[in-house]
């Protein structure tokens, strides 16, 4: 059984709030949003639309695949499927906001930072996430959070977005006993 923790309206409200927070901190510099495949890419595109409509601030989007930067790639069975990283702006000396759907252990974000730094040395890297569920294994903290959701380590968070083929947006908490 899935427990819905955010519906489409709550997701939209959270993303609009995050967009306003980003504008407040970056009012005088171009904003570069880099979405982490897959859910982060969709969220970054939505954030950029909100930022453009609210602040008339230059904002560019990029897409980042971190497959080969993950520290568990050797432990996974099967072949890693690498998708394109598409960043068409200079990373060096930029103000980067990484965007992902769920922050859990921090390992995905560490891999994303490594990938970005391989492309250049940004002035700043910040992090925006829709859900922060805790259980960090690395000292990583989000700068912009849609919702904090206390979970057990065995729970799962499932983010479903229209862009991935769903009929509507939602975030579900799936408890271990419900699997």
N, C-alpha and C. Protein backbone atom coordinates (compact mmCIF):
# COMPACT_ATOMS: atom_id res chain seq x y z
N UNK A 1 0.84 -1.19 0.00
CA UNK A 1 0.00 0.00 0.00
C UNK A 1 0.88 1.25 0.00
N UNK A 2 0.51 2.22 -0.82
CA UNK A 2 1.26 3.46 -0.91
C UNK A 2 0.53 4.55 -0.15
N UNK A 3 1.29 5.32 0.61
CA UNK A 3 0.75 6.48 1.31
C UNK A 3 1.18 7.72 0.53
N UNK A 4 0.21 8.46 0.03
CA UNK A 4 0.55 9.67 -0.73
C UNK A 4 0.98 10.75 0.26
N UNK A 5 2.16 11.33 0.02
CA UNK A 5 2.64 12.38 0.92
C UNK A 5 2.65 13.75 0.24
N UNK A 6 2.60 13.75 -1.10
CA UNK A 6 2.45 15.00 -1.85
C UNK A 6 1.63 14.70 -3.10
N UNK A 7 0.60 15.52 -3.32
CA UNK A 7 -0.14 15.40 -4.56
C UNK A 7 0.38 16.45 -5.54
N UNK A 8 -0.24 16.54 -6.70
CA UNK A 8 0.24 17.47 -7.72
C UNK A 8 0.25 18.91 -7.23
N UNK A 9 -0.77 19.30 -6.49
CA UNK A 9 -0.85 20.67 -5.98
C UNK A 9 0.28 20.95 -5.00
N UNK A 10 0.57 20.01 -4.11
CA UNK A 10 1.65 20.18 -3.13
C UNK A 10 3.02 20.24 -3.82
N UNK A 11 3.20 19.43 -4.85
CA UNK A 11 4.47 19.45 -5.59
C UNK A 11 4.65 20.80 -6.27
N UNK A 12 3.60 21.29 -6.93
CA UNK A 12 3.68 22.58 -7.60
C UNK A 12 3.97 23.71 -6.60
N UNK A 13 3.30 23.68 -5.47
CA UNK A 13 3.51 24.70 -4.44
C UNK A 13 4.95 24.67 -3.93
N UNK A 14 5.49 23.47 -3.70
CA UNK A 14 6.87 23.33 -3.22
C UNK A 14 7.87 23.84 -4.26
N UNK A 15 7.65 23.50 -5.51
CA UNK A 15 8.57 23.95 -6.56
C UNK A 15 8.51 25.46 -6.75
N UNK A 16 7.34 26.04 -6.65
CA UNK A 16 7.22 27.50 -6.75
C UNK A 16 7.95 28.19 -5.59
N UNK A 17 7.82 27.62 -4.39
CA UNK A 17 8.53 28.19 -3.23
C UNK A 17 10.04 28.09 -3.43
N UNK A 18 10.51 26.93 -3.89
CA UNK A 18 11.95 26.75 -4.14
C UNK A 18 12.42 27.75 -5.19
N UNK A 19 11.64 27.96 -6.24
CA UNK A 19 12.00 28.92 -7.28
C UNK A 19 12.18 30.32 -6.69
N UNK A 20 11.26 30.73 -5.81
CA UNK A 20 11.39 32.04 -5.16
C UNK A 20 12.64 32.11 -4.29
N UNK A 21 12.95 31.03 -3.57
CA UNK A 21 14.14 31.00 -2.73
C UNK A 21 15.41 31.12 -3.57
N UNK A 22 15.44 30.43 -4.71
CA UNK A 22 16.60 30.51 -5.60
C UNK A 22 16.76 31.93 -6.13
N UNK A 23 15.66 32.55 -6.53
CA UNK A 23 15.72 33.93 -7.03
C UNK A 23 16.27 34.87 -5.96
N UNK A 24 15.83 34.71 -4.72
CA UNK A 24 16.31 35.57 -3.64
C UNK A 24 17.82 35.46 -3.46
N UNK A 25 18.37 34.27 -3.60
CA UNK A 25 19.81 34.08 -3.39
C UNK A 25 20.65 34.38 -4.62
N UNK A 26 20.02 34.40 -5.80
CA UNK A 26 20.78 34.56 -7.04
C UNK A 26 20.28 35.71 -7.89
N UNK A 27 19.75 36.73 -7.29
CA UNK A 27 19.13 37.83 -8.03
C UNK A 27 20.10 38.54 -8.97
N UNK A 28 21.39 38.53 -8.67
CA UNK A 28 22.33 39.31 -9.47
C UNK A 28 23.23 38.46 -10.38
N UNK A 29 23.04 37.16 -10.41
CA UNK A 29 23.89 36.31 -11.24
C UNK A 29 23.01 35.35 -12.05
N UNK A 30 23.50 34.93 -13.21
CA UNK A 30 22.76 33.92 -13.97
C UNK A 30 22.63 32.63 -13.16
N UNK A 31 21.52 31.96 -13.34
CA UNK A 31 21.25 30.72 -12.61
C UNK A 31 21.41 29.54 -13.57
N UNK A 32 22.18 28.57 -13.15
CA UNK A 32 22.40 27.36 -13.93
C UNK A 32 21.85 26.18 -13.14
N UNK A 33 20.77 25.62 -13.63
CA UNK A 33 20.15 24.46 -12.98
C UNK A 33 20.59 23.20 -13.71
N UNK A 34 21.10 22.24 -12.96
CA UNK A 34 21.51 20.97 -13.54
C UNK A 34 20.68 19.87 -12.89
N UNK A 35 19.83 19.24 -13.69
CA UNK A 35 18.99 18.15 -13.20
C UNK A 35 19.74 16.83 -13.27
N UNK A 36 19.65 16.07 -12.19
CA UNK A 36 20.27 14.75 -12.14
C UNK A 36 19.26 13.76 -12.70
N UNK A 37 19.69 12.97 -13.68
CA UNK A 37 18.80 12.00 -14.31
C UNK A 37 18.22 11.06 -13.28
N UNK A 38 16.96 10.78 -13.29
CA UNK A 38 15.98 11.18 -14.27
C UNK A 38 15.03 12.22 -13.69
N UNK A 39 14.54 12.00 -12.48
CA UNK A 39 13.56 12.90 -11.90
C UNK A 39 14.06 14.32 -11.73
N UNK A 40 15.33 14.49 -11.45
CA UNK A 40 15.88 15.83 -11.27
C UNK A 40 15.84 16.66 -12.53
N UNK A 41 15.92 16.02 -13.68
CA UNK A 41 15.86 16.73 -14.96
C UNK A 41 14.49 17.38 -15.14
N UNK A 42 13.44 16.62 -14.87
CA UNK A 42 12.08 17.15 -15.01
C UNK A 42 11.83 18.29 -14.02
N UNK A 43 12.30 18.11 -12.79
CA UNK A 43 12.09 19.14 -11.77
C UNK A 43 12.89 20.40 -12.10
N UNK A 44 14.09 20.25 -12.62
CA UNK A 44 14.91 21.41 -12.99
C UNK A 44 14.23 22.21 -14.10
N UNK A 45 13.62 21.53 -15.06
CA UNK A 45 12.92 22.24 -16.13
C UNK A 45 11.73 23.01 -15.58
N UNK A 46 11.00 22.41 -14.67
CA UNK A 46 9.87 23.13 -14.07
C UNK A 46 10.35 24.33 -13.27
N UNK A 47 11.42 24.14 -12.49
CA UNK A 47 11.96 25.25 -11.71
C UNK A 47 12.40 26.40 -12.62
N UNK A 48 13.04 26.08 -13.72
CA UNK A 48 13.50 27.14 -14.62
C UNK A 48 12.32 27.92 -15.20
N UNK A 49 11.22 27.24 -15.49
CA UNK A 49 10.03 27.94 -15.99
C UNK A 49 9.49 28.90 -14.93
N UNK A 50 9.42 28.45 -13.68
CA UNK A 50 8.94 29.31 -12.60
C UNK A 50 9.88 30.50 -12.39
N UNK A 51 11.18 30.23 -12.39
CA UNK A 51 12.16 31.31 -12.17
C UNK A 51 12.06 32.35 -13.27
N UNK A 52 11.95 31.90 -14.51
CA UNK A 52 11.81 32.84 -15.63
C UNK A 52 10.54 33.68 -15.49
N UNK A 53 9.45 33.04 -15.09
CA UNK A 53 8.18 33.78 -15.01
C UNK A 53 8.15 34.74 -13.83
N UNK A 54 8.83 34.42 -12.74
CA UNK A 54 8.80 35.27 -11.55
C UNK A 54 9.84 36.37 -11.59
N UNK A 55 11.03 36.01 -12.02
CA UNK A 55 12.13 36.94 -11.82
C UNK A 55 12.74 37.54 -13.05
N UNK A 56 12.34 37.09 -14.23
CA UNK A 56 12.99 37.54 -15.46
C UNK A 56 14.51 37.50 -15.31
N UNK A 57 14.98 36.41 -14.72
CA UNK A 57 16.41 36.21 -14.49
C UNK A 57 16.91 35.18 -15.50
N UNK A 58 18.10 35.40 -16.07
CA UNK A 58 18.63 34.38 -16.98
C UNK A 58 18.81 33.05 -16.24
N UNK A 59 18.26 32.00 -16.83
CA UNK A 59 18.41 30.66 -16.23
C UNK A 59 18.60 29.66 -17.36
N UNK A 60 19.60 28.81 -17.20
CA UNK A 60 19.89 27.77 -18.18
C UNK A 60 19.81 26.42 -17.50
N UNK A 61 19.41 25.42 -18.29
CA UNK A 61 19.28 24.06 -17.76
C UNK A 61 20.33 23.14 -18.36
N UNK A 62 20.73 22.18 -17.55
CA UNK A 62 21.59 21.12 -18.01
C UNK A 62 21.08 19.80 -17.46
N UNK A 63 21.55 18.73 -18.07
CA UNK A 63 21.18 17.37 -17.66
C UNK A 63 22.45 16.62 -17.33
N UNK A 64 22.44 15.92 -16.21
CA UNK A 64 23.64 15.23 -15.74
C UNK A 64 23.35 13.76 -15.51
N UNK A 65 24.16 12.91 -16.12
CA UNK A 65 24.10 11.47 -15.85
C UNK A 65 25.30 11.12 -14.99
N UNK A 66 25.04 10.53 -13.83
CA UNK A 66 26.12 10.25 -12.87
C UNK A 66 26.48 8.77 -12.81
N UNK A 67 25.98 7.98 -13.73
CA UNK A 67 26.14 6.53 -13.67
C UNK A 67 27.58 6.12 -13.40
N UNK A 68 28.52 6.65 -14.14
CA UNK A 68 29.91 6.22 -13.99
C UNK A 68 30.61 6.86 -12.80
N UNK A 69 29.96 7.79 -12.12
CA UNK A 69 30.54 8.43 -10.95
C UNK A 69 30.07 7.80 -9.64
N UNK A 70 29.12 6.90 -9.73
CA UNK A 70 28.59 6.27 -8.52
C UNK A 70 29.65 5.37 -7.89
N UNK A 71 29.69 5.37 -6.56
CA UNK A 71 30.67 4.52 -5.87
C UNK A 71 30.22 3.07 -5.79
N UNK A 72 28.99 2.78 -6.22
CA UNK A 72 28.51 1.40 -6.16
C UNK A 72 28.39 0.77 -7.55
N UNK A 73 28.96 1.41 -8.56
CA UNK A 73 28.82 0.90 -9.92
C UNK A 73 29.43 -0.50 -10.06
N UNK A 74 30.52 -0.78 -9.35
CA UNK A 74 31.15 -2.10 -9.43
C UNK A 74 30.33 -3.17 -8.72
N UNK A 75 29.50 -2.76 -7.75
CA UNK A 75 28.70 -3.73 -6.99
C UNK A 75 27.41 -4.11 -7.71
N UNK A 76 27.01 -3.33 -8.69
CA UNK A 76 25.76 -3.59 -9.39
C UNK A 76 25.94 -4.72 -10.38
N UNK A 77 24.91 -5.52 -10.54
CA UNK A 77 24.96 -6.58 -11.53
C UNK A 77 24.48 -6.03 -12.87
N UNK A 78 24.98 -6.60 -13.93
CA UNK A 78 24.59 -6.13 -15.25
C UNK A 78 25.42 -4.95 -15.69
N UNK A 79 25.15 -4.49 -16.89
CA UNK A 79 25.88 -3.38 -17.45
C UNK A 79 25.24 -2.06 -17.06
N UNK A 80 26.07 -1.11 -16.80
CA UNK A 80 25.58 0.24 -16.50
C UNK A 80 25.08 0.88 -17.79
N UNK A 81 23.91 1.48 -17.71
CA UNK A 81 23.35 2.19 -18.86
C UNK A 81 23.65 3.68 -18.67
N UNK A 82 24.52 4.18 -19.52
CA UNK A 82 24.92 5.57 -19.41
C UNK A 82 24.12 6.39 -20.43
N UNK A 83 23.51 7.46 -19.93
CA UNK A 83 22.76 8.37 -20.81
C UNK A 83 23.55 9.66 -20.93
N UNK A 84 23.12 10.51 -21.81
CA UNK A 84 23.87 11.72 -22.13
C UNK A 84 23.85 12.73 -20.99
N UNK A 85 24.98 13.37 -20.80
CA UNK A 85 25.07 14.57 -19.99
C UNK A 85 25.04 15.72 -20.98
N UNK A 86 24.12 16.65 -20.75
CA UNK A 86 23.95 17.77 -21.67
C UNK A 86 24.04 19.08 -20.88
N UNK A 87 25.22 19.67 -20.92
CA UNK A 87 25.45 20.95 -20.24
C UNK A 87 26.07 21.88 -21.27
N UNK A 88 25.27 22.85 -21.72
CA UNK A 88 25.69 23.73 -22.81
C UNK A 88 26.02 25.13 -22.31
N UNK A 89 26.59 25.18 -21.13
CA UNK A 89 27.03 26.46 -20.57
C UNK A 89 28.33 26.20 -19.82
N UNK A 90 29.12 27.25 -19.62
CA UNK A 90 30.39 27.05 -18.92
C UNK A 90 30.16 26.77 -17.43
N UNK A 91 30.73 25.71 -16.95
CA UNK A 91 30.58 25.35 -15.54
C UNK A 91 31.54 26.16 -14.67
N UNK A 92 32.72 26.41 -15.18
CA UNK A 92 33.73 27.14 -14.42
C UNK A 92 33.24 28.51 -14.00
N UNK A 93 33.42 28.82 -12.72
CA UNK A 93 33.05 30.10 -12.12
C UNK A 93 31.55 30.38 -12.11
N UNK A 94 30.72 29.38 -12.39
CA UNK A 94 29.26 29.55 -12.41
C UNK A 94 28.64 29.26 -11.05
N UNK A 95 27.41 29.72 -10.91
CA UNK A 95 26.60 29.39 -9.74
C UNK A 95 25.66 28.27 -10.16
N UNK A 96 25.94 27.06 -9.69
CA UNK A 96 25.22 25.86 -10.11
C UNK A 96 24.24 25.45 -9.01
N UNK A 97 23.03 25.09 -9.42
CA UNK A 97 22.07 24.47 -8.51
C UNK A 97 21.79 23.08 -9.07
N UNK A 98 22.26 22.07 -8.35
CA UNK A 98 21.92 20.68 -8.70
C UNK A 98 20.50 20.42 -8.26
N UNK A 99 19.72 19.69 -9.07
CA UNK A 99 18.33 19.41 -8.75
C UNK A 99 18.11 17.91 -8.80
N UNK A 100 17.50 17.37 -7.73
CA UNK A 100 17.16 15.95 -7.70
C UNK A 100 15.81 15.79 -7.03
N UNK A 101 15.22 14.62 -7.22
CA UNK A 101 13.89 14.40 -6.64
C UNK A 101 13.96 14.02 -5.17
N UNK A 102 14.85 13.10 -4.79
CA UNK A 102 14.92 12.63 -3.40
C UNK A 102 16.36 12.65 -2.91
N UNK A 103 16.57 13.22 -1.74
CA UNK A 103 17.87 13.17 -1.07
C UNK A 103 17.78 12.13 0.03
N UNK A 104 18.65 11.13 -0.03
CA UNK A 104 18.64 10.03 0.93
C UNK A 104 20.02 9.94 1.59
N UNK A 105 20.89 9.10 1.11
CA UNK A 105 22.19 8.91 1.75
C UNK A 105 23.19 10.01 1.42
N UNK A 106 22.99 10.68 0.30
CA UNK A 106 23.92 11.71 -0.16
C UNK A 106 24.89 11.21 -1.21
N UNK A 107 24.90 9.92 -1.48
CA UNK A 107 25.87 9.36 -2.43
C UNK A 107 25.61 9.81 -3.87
N UNK A 108 24.36 9.94 -4.25
CA UNK A 108 24.04 10.43 -5.59
C UNK A 108 24.54 11.85 -5.76
N UNK A 109 24.36 12.68 -4.76
CA UNK A 109 24.79 14.08 -4.84
C UNK A 109 26.31 14.17 -4.87
N UNK A 110 26.98 13.35 -4.09
CA UNK A 110 28.46 13.33 -4.14
C UNK A 110 28.92 12.98 -5.54
N UNK A 111 28.30 11.98 -6.16
CA UNK A 111 28.66 11.60 -7.53
C UNK A 111 28.38 12.75 -8.50
N UNK A 112 27.27 13.44 -8.31
CA UNK A 112 26.92 14.57 -9.18
C UNK A 112 27.94 15.71 -9.04
N UNK A 113 28.36 15.98 -7.82
CA UNK A 113 29.36 17.03 -7.63
C UNK A 113 30.67 16.66 -8.30
N UNK A 114 31.07 15.40 -8.18
CA UNK A 114 32.29 14.95 -8.87
C UNK A 114 32.17 15.13 -10.38
N UNK A 115 31.02 14.78 -10.94
CA UNK A 115 30.81 14.92 -12.38
C UNK A 115 30.87 16.38 -12.81
N UNK A 116 30.24 17.26 -12.04
CA UNK A 116 30.24 18.68 -12.37
C UNK A 116 31.65 19.24 -12.29
N UNK A 117 32.37 18.90 -11.26
CA UNK A 117 33.73 19.43 -11.08
C UNK A 117 34.66 18.94 -12.18
N UNK A 118 34.40 17.75 -12.72
CA UNK A 118 35.19 17.29 -13.86
C UNK A 118 34.98 18.17 -15.10
N UNK A 119 33.89 18.91 -15.15
CA UNK A 119 33.59 19.79 -16.28
C UNK A 119 34.13 21.21 -16.07
N UNK A 120 34.54 21.53 -14.87
CA UNK A 120 35.05 22.86 -14.54
C UNK A 120 34.86 23.12 -13.06
N UNK A 121 35.44 24.20 -12.58
CA UNK A 121 35.33 24.53 -11.16
C UNK A 121 34.29 25.62 -10.96
N UNK A 122 33.08 25.22 -10.50
CA UNK A 122 32.05 26.24 -10.28
C UNK A 122 32.41 27.15 -9.11
N UNK A 123 31.85 28.35 -9.14
CA UNK A 123 31.99 29.26 -8.01
C UNK A 123 31.26 28.68 -6.80
N UNK A 124 30.04 28.19 -7.05
CA UNK A 124 29.18 27.64 -5.99
C UNK A 124 28.39 26.47 -6.56
N UNK A 125 28.23 25.43 -5.74
CA UNK A 125 27.29 24.35 -6.06
C UNK A 125 26.29 24.29 -4.92
N UNK A 126 25.01 24.45 -5.26
CA UNK A 126 23.95 24.32 -4.28
C UNK A 126 23.08 23.12 -4.68
N UNK A 127 22.18 22.74 -3.77
CA UNK A 127 21.35 21.57 -4.01
C UNK A 127 19.89 21.89 -3.73
N UNK A 128 19.02 21.54 -4.69
CA UNK A 128 17.57 21.65 -4.51
C UNK A 128 16.98 20.26 -4.67
N UNK A 129 16.15 19.86 -3.70
CA UNK A 129 15.50 18.54 -3.77
C UNK A 129 14.02 18.70 -3.45
N UNK A 130 13.22 17.84 -4.05
CA UNK A 130 11.80 17.84 -3.75
C UNK A 130 11.56 17.22 -2.37
N UNK A 131 12.23 16.10 -2.09
CA UNK A 131 12.05 15.37 -0.82
C UNK A 131 13.41 15.14 -0.17
N UNK A 132 13.51 15.48 1.12
CA UNK A 132 14.67 15.11 1.93
C UNK A 132 14.18 14.10 2.95
N UNK A 133 14.65 12.88 2.85
CA UNK A 133 14.16 11.83 3.74
C UNK A 133 15.14 11.44 4.84
N UNK A 134 16.25 12.14 4.94
CA UNK A 134 17.21 11.86 6.01
C UNK A 134 18.09 10.67 5.69
N UNK A 135 18.72 10.12 6.73
CA UNK A 135 19.58 8.92 6.64
C UNK A 135 20.87 9.17 5.87
N UNK A 136 21.47 10.34 6.06
CA UNK A 136 22.68 10.68 5.34
C UNK A 136 23.84 9.78 5.75
N UNK A 137 24.62 9.36 4.75
CA UNK A 137 25.86 8.63 4.97
C UNK A 137 27.07 9.53 4.69
N UNK A 138 26.80 10.65 4.05
CA UNK A 138 27.84 11.63 3.74
C UNK A 138 27.37 13.00 4.23
N UNK A 139 28.30 13.90 4.54
CA UNK A 139 27.90 15.21 5.07
C UNK A 139 27.39 16.14 3.96
N UNK A 140 26.20 15.84 3.47
CA UNK A 140 25.59 16.62 2.40
C UNK A 140 24.24 17.12 2.87
N UNK A 141 23.97 18.39 2.60
CA UNK A 141 22.73 19.03 3.05
C UNK A 141 22.15 19.83 1.88
N UNK A 142 20.85 19.75 1.71
CA UNK A 142 20.19 20.51 0.64
C UNK A 142 20.03 21.97 1.05
N UNK A 143 20.18 22.86 0.07
CA UNK A 143 19.97 24.29 0.28
C UNK A 143 18.50 24.66 0.12
N UNK A 144 17.80 23.90 -0.73
CA UNK A 144 16.38 24.15 -1.02
C UNK A 144 15.65 22.81 -0.94
N UNK A 145 14.63 22.76 -0.10
CA UNK A 145 13.92 21.49 0.15
C UNK A 145 12.43 21.72 -0.03
N UNK A 146 11.81 20.85 -0.82
CA UNK A 146 10.37 20.91 -0.98
C UNK A 146 9.64 20.41 0.26
N UNK A 147 10.07 19.26 0.77
CA UNK A 147 9.44 18.68 1.95
C UNK A 147 10.41 17.73 2.64
N UNK A 148 10.49 17.83 3.96
CA UNK A 148 11.23 16.87 4.77
C UNK A 148 10.27 15.75 5.14
N UNK A 149 10.68 14.51 4.90
CA UNK A 149 9.83 13.36 5.19
C UNK A 149 10.62 12.37 6.05
N UNK A 150 10.31 12.31 7.34
CA UNK A 150 11.00 11.33 8.19
C UNK A 150 10.62 9.91 7.74
N UNK A 151 11.62 9.09 7.52
CA UNK A 151 11.38 7.71 7.08
C UNK A 151 12.29 6.78 7.87
N UNK A 152 12.00 5.50 7.78
CA UNK A 152 12.96 4.51 8.27
C UNK A 152 13.86 4.17 7.08
N UNK A 153 14.99 3.57 7.35
CA UNK A 153 15.92 3.23 6.28
C UNK A 153 15.32 2.22 5.31
N UNK A 154 14.36 1.44 5.75
CA UNK A 154 13.75 0.42 4.90
C UNK A 154 12.59 0.95 4.06
N UNK A 155 12.12 2.15 4.34
CA UNK A 155 11.03 2.73 3.56
C UNK A 155 11.54 3.13 2.17
N UNK A 156 10.60 3.38 1.28
CA UNK A 156 10.93 3.89 -0.04
C UNK A 156 10.10 5.14 -0.31
N UNK A 157 10.69 6.05 -1.05
CA UNK A 157 9.97 7.22 -1.54
C UNK A 157 9.90 7.07 -3.05
N UNK A 158 8.71 7.19 -3.59
CA UNK A 158 8.53 7.09 -5.04
C UNK A 158 7.94 8.41 -5.53
N UNK A 159 8.68 9.07 -6.41
CA UNK A 159 8.22 10.32 -7.02
C UNK A 159 7.74 9.97 -8.42
N UNK A 160 6.49 10.32 -8.70
CA UNK A 160 5.88 10.05 -10.00
C UNK A 160 5.55 11.39 -10.64
N UNK A 161 6.07 11.62 -11.84
CA UNK A 161 5.87 12.89 -12.53
C UNK A 161 5.25 12.66 -13.90
N UNK A 162 4.45 13.62 -14.35
CA UNK A 162 3.79 13.52 -15.66
C UNK A 162 4.80 13.31 -16.78
N UNK A 163 5.94 13.96 -16.68
CA UNK A 163 6.94 13.88 -17.74
C UNK A 163 7.45 12.46 -17.97
N UNK A 164 7.30 11.60 -16.96
CA UNK A 164 7.77 10.22 -17.11
C UNK A 164 6.63 9.28 -17.52
N UNK A 165 5.50 9.86 -17.93
CA UNK A 165 4.42 9.04 -18.44
C UNK A 165 3.26 8.82 -17.49
N UNK A 166 3.33 9.35 -16.30
CA UNK A 166 2.24 9.21 -15.34
C UNK A 166 1.10 10.15 -15.71
N UNK A 167 -0.09 9.81 -15.27
CA UNK A 167 -1.24 10.68 -15.55
C UNK A 167 -1.24 11.92 -14.65
N UNK A 168 -0.55 11.87 -13.53
CA UNK A 168 -0.51 13.01 -12.62
C UNK A 168 0.76 12.93 -11.77
N UNK A 169 1.07 14.02 -11.08
CA UNK A 169 2.23 14.07 -10.19
C UNK A 169 1.84 13.58 -8.80
N UNK A 170 2.75 12.88 -8.14
CA UNK A 170 2.53 12.47 -6.76
C UNK A 170 3.84 11.98 -6.17
N UNK A 171 3.92 12.04 -4.84
CA UNK A 171 5.03 11.44 -4.11
C UNK A 171 4.41 10.46 -3.12
N UNK A 172 4.93 9.25 -3.12
CA UNK A 172 4.41 8.19 -2.26
C UNK A 172 5.47 7.74 -1.27
N UNK A 173 5.03 7.42 -0.07
CA UNK A 173 5.86 6.76 0.93
C UNK A 173 5.41 5.32 0.98
N UNK A 174 6.36 4.42 0.74
CA UNK A 174 6.06 2.99 0.76
C UNK A 174 6.79 2.37 1.93
N UNK A 175 6.05 1.95 2.93
CA UNK A 175 6.63 1.35 4.13
C UNK A 175 7.08 -0.07 3.85
N UNK A 176 8.08 -0.53 4.57
CA UNK A 176 8.65 -1.86 4.35
C UNK A 176 7.58 -2.94 4.36
N UNK A 177 6.67 -2.89 5.30
CA UNK A 177 5.63 -3.91 5.38
C UNK A 177 4.64 -3.86 4.25
N UNK A 178 4.63 -2.76 3.49
CA UNK A 178 3.68 -2.60 2.38
C UNK A 178 4.25 -3.10 1.07
N UNK A 179 5.53 -3.45 1.04
CA UNK A 179 6.17 -3.85 -0.22
C UNK A 179 5.69 -5.20 -0.69
